[in-house]
Amino acid sequence: MAKTDPEALPYRPCVGALVVNGDGLVFIGHRADGPEEPEGPGTWWQMPQGGIDDGEDPLEAVYRELYEETSIRSVHLVAESRDWIRYDLPPDLVGKAWKGRYRGQTQKWYLLRFTGEETEIDILTPGGGHHKAEFNAWKWAPLEALTELVVPFKRDVYRRIVAEFADALK
């Protein structure tokens, strides 16, 4: 079987949500992955993120994805990343993840302050029970811990997001 040339594939347009609570801690979910997911084997945590639908505004997409993955709706926008941030999949996942259609993702990130009650958060039957669970556990984590909890090939993205949003989080 021929190996997929990553250079021939586009990046998947995506959004990410850094959701912070009143104590300055960040929402992260533990991935409930199947073998088809791009993170591969391991025990990984991540912030909510997901693809942008055709014709969808990135800000609308982040609110939709956040609800679909966590049931969270009680947030307000604090900041948006200046740039789109790209990452490439590791070579062994190119041609496999996302049905082989993408080489990685290009992401717009948003800093959102959680204003609701924790009872709003539902990762097991998210989005009113209309979406597949992407997480099987969640927690509030210190900003400094994020990069060590995420799958290694996403760590540079997390470092950039943490650095960019650091002032807004103070």
Protein backbone atom coordinates (compact mmCIF):
# COMPACT_ATOMS: atom_id res chain seq x y z
CA MET A 1 0.00 0.00 0.00
CA ALA A 2 1.38 3.41 -1.00
CA LYS A 3 2.22 5.80 1.81
CA THR A 4 0.22 9.04 1.85
CA ASP A 5 2.28 12.15 1.04
CA PRO A 6 1.43 14.69 3.78
CA GLU A 7 2.36 17.59 1.48
CA ALA A 8 -0.53 16.62 -0.79
CA LEU A 9 -3.11 16.90 2.00
CA PRO A 10 -4.77 20.06 3.40
CA TYR A 11 -5.07 21.09 7.04
CA ARG A 12 -8.42 20.54 8.75
CA PRO A 13 -9.98 23.88 9.83
CA CYS A 14 -10.68 23.67 13.54
CA VAL A 15 -11.42 25.68 16.67
CA GLY A 16 -10.30 25.20 20.24
CA ALA A 17 -11.66 26.43 23.58
CA LEU A 18 -9.57 27.30 26.60
CA VAL A 19 -12.34 27.47 29.21
CA VAL A 20 -11.27 28.97 32.52
CA ASN A 21 -13.25 28.99 35.76
CA GLY A 22 -13.39 31.61 38.51
CA ASP A 23 -10.35 30.06 40.21
CA GLY A 24 -8.22 30.43 37.07
CA LEU A 25 -8.25 26.71 36.32
CA VAL A 26 -8.77 25.30 32.83
CA PHE A 27 -11.31 22.69 31.72
CA ILE A 28 -9.73 19.57 30.26
CA GLY A 29 -11.32 16.32 29.24
CA HIS A 30 -9.85 12.84 29.19
CA ARG A 31 -10.11 11.44 25.65
CA ALA A 32 -12.53 8.56 25.19
CA ASP A 33 -10.81 7.45 21.99
CA GLY A 34 -11.46 4.61 19.70
CA PRO A 35 -8.66 3.25 17.51
CA GLU A 36 -9.72 5.52 14.62
CA GLU A 37 -8.96 8.72 16.55
CA PRO A 38 -5.84 10.72 15.69
CA GLU A 39 -4.37 10.77 19.19
CA GLY A 40 -3.44 7.11 19.04
CA PRO A 41 -2.82 4.92 22.09
CA GLY A 42 -2.21 6.53 25.43
CA THR A 43 -3.96 8.39 28.21
CA TRP A 44 -4.47 11.91 26.93
CA TRP A 45 -6.32 14.96 28.14
CA GLN A 46 -7.20 17.95 26.01
CA MET A 47 -9.23 21.11 25.86
CA PRO A 48 -12.44 21.02 23.80
CA GLN A 49 -11.84 21.44 20.08
CA GLY A 50 -13.37 20.42 16.81
CA GLY A 51 -13.88 21.02 13.13
CA ILE A 52 -15.49 24.03 11.53
CA ASP A 53 -18.47 23.19 9.32
CA ASP A 54 -18.57 24.54 5.76
CA GLY A 55 -19.58 28.21 5.84
CA GLU A 56 -19.51 28.36 9.64
CA ASP A 57 -17.96 31.30 11.46
CA PRO A 58 -15.11 30.14 13.76
CA LEU A 59 -16.63 31.84 16.83
CA GLU A 60 -19.96 30.11 16.19
CA ALA A 61 -18.05 26.85 15.73
CA VAL A 62 -16.30 27.11 19.10
CA TYR A 63 -19.59 27.63 20.93
CA ARG A 64 -21.15 24.71 19.03
CA GLU A 65 -18.19 22.39 19.61
CA LEU A 66 -18.01 23.29 23.29
CA TYR A 67 -21.69 22.43 23.72
CA GLU A 68 -21.41 19.22 21.66
CA GLU A 69 -18.47 17.96 23.74
CA THR A 70 -19.28 19.27 27.24
CA SER A 71 -22.86 20.65 27.28
CA ILE A 72 -21.34 23.96 28.42
CA ARG A 73 -23.20 27.06 27.26
CA SER A 74 -22.50 29.46 30.15
CA VAL A 75 -19.34 31.17 28.93
CA HIS A 76 -18.32 34.60 27.76
CA LEU A 77 -15.59 35.46 25.30
CA VAL A 78 -12.39 36.88 26.80
CA ALA A 79 -9.92 36.63 23.91
CA GLU A 80 -9.24 35.12 20.48
CA SER A 81 -5.88 33.88 19.24
CA ARG A 82 -4.14 36.36 16.93
CA ASP A 83 -3.32 33.75 14.34
CA TRP A 84 -4.38 30.36 13.12
CA ILE A 85 -2.08 27.75 14.64
CA ARG A 86 -1.13 24.66 12.66
CA TYR A 87 0.14 21.30 13.68
CA ASP A 88 1.05 18.25 11.64
CA LEU A 89 0.11 14.71 12.49
CA PRO A 90 2.96 12.30 13.20
CA PRO A 91 3.92 10.37 10.02
CA ASP A 92 2.34 7.12 11.26
CA LEU A 93 -1.08 8.81 11.56
CA VAL A 94 -1.10 10.61 8.19
CA GLY A 95 -3.52 8.82 5.90
CA LYS A 96 -5.32 7.20 8.86
CA ALA A 97 -6.68 9.95 11.11
CA TRP A 98 -9.79 11.78 9.89
CA LYS A 99 -10.26 9.12 7.20
CA GLY A 100 -6.95 10.13 5.64
CA ARG A 101 -8.20 13.50 4.40
CA TYR A 102 -5.88 15.85 6.37
CA ARG A 103 -2.22 16.24 7.27
CA GLY A 104 -3.03 18.04 10.52
CA GLN A 105 -5.14 20.92 11.76
CA THR A 106 -5.14 24.69 11.53
CA GLN A 107 -6.83 26.05 14.63
CA LYS A 108 -8.33 29.30 15.87
CA TRP A 109 -8.37 29.32 19.68
CA TYR A 110 -10.69 31.17 22.04
CA LEU A 111 -10.34 31.98 25.73
CA LEU A 112 -13.75 31.63 27.35
CA ARG A 113 -14.68 32.30 30.99
CA PHE A 114 -17.06 29.73 32.47
CA THR A 115 -19.93 31.51 34.21
CA GLY A 116 -22.25 28.60 35.00
CA GLU A 117 -22.59 25.93 37.63
CA GLU A 118 -20.58 22.71 37.31
CA THR A 119 -23.85 20.76 37.12
CA GLU A 120 -24.16 22.15 33.57
CA ILE A 121 -21.14 20.10 32.48
CA ASP A 122 -22.14 16.75 30.98
CA ILE A 123 -19.45 14.89 29.05
CA LEU A 124 -21.13 11.48 28.98
CA THR A 125 -24.33 12.56 27.20
CA PRO A 126 -23.18 15.92 25.79
CA GLY A 127 -25.22 18.36 23.77
CA GLY A 128 -28.50 17.22 25.27
CA GLY A 129 -27.61 13.61 24.54
CA HIS A 130 -27.40 14.22 20.80
CA HIS A 131 -23.63 13.80 20.47
CA LYS A 132 -21.14 10.99 20.98
CA ALA A 133 -19.05 11.36 24.14
CA GLU A 134 -15.54 12.55 23.31
CA PHE A 135 -14.43 12.55 26.95
CA ASN A 136 -14.88 9.95 29.69
CA ALA A 137 -13.65 12.20 32.53
CA TRP A 138 -12.99 15.90 33.09
CA LYS A 139 -11.30 18.18 35.58
CA TRP A 140 -10.13 21.72 36.19
CA ALA A 141 -6.35 21.91 35.79
CA PRO A 142 -3.74 24.59 36.36
CA LEU A 143 -2.68 26.36 33.17
CA GLU A 144 0.93 25.24 33.70
CA ALA A 145 -0.07 21.55 33.66
CA LEU A 146 -1.78 21.54 30.26
CA THR A 147 1.17 20.81 28.01
CA GLU A 148 2.20 17.70 29.93
CA LEU A 149 -1.30 16.19 29.79
CA VAL A 150 -1.91 16.50 26.05
CA VAL A 151 -0.74 14.07 23.35
CA PRO A 152 2.90 14.98 22.51
CA PHE A 153 2.29 16.19 18.95
CA LYS A 154 -0.10 18.90 20.22
CA ARG A 155 2.20 20.25 22.93
CA ASP A 156 3.66 23.10 20.87
CA VAL A 157 0.13 24.33 20.10
CA TYR A 158 -0.74 24.27 23.80
CA ARG A 159 2.47 26.13 24.71
CA ARG A 160 1.61 28.86 22.19
CA ILE A 161 -1.98 29.17 23.43
CA VAL A 162 -0.94 29.29 27.09
CA ALA A 163 1.68 31.97 26.31
CA GLU A 164 -0.70 34.02 24.20
CA PHE A 165 -3.57 33.97 26.70
CA ALA A 166 -1.40 34.31 29.85
CA ASP A 167 -1.96 38.06 30.28
CA ALA A 168 -5.71 37.78 29.72
CA LEU A 169 -5.86 35.08 32.40
CA LYS A 170 -4.38 37.33 35.12
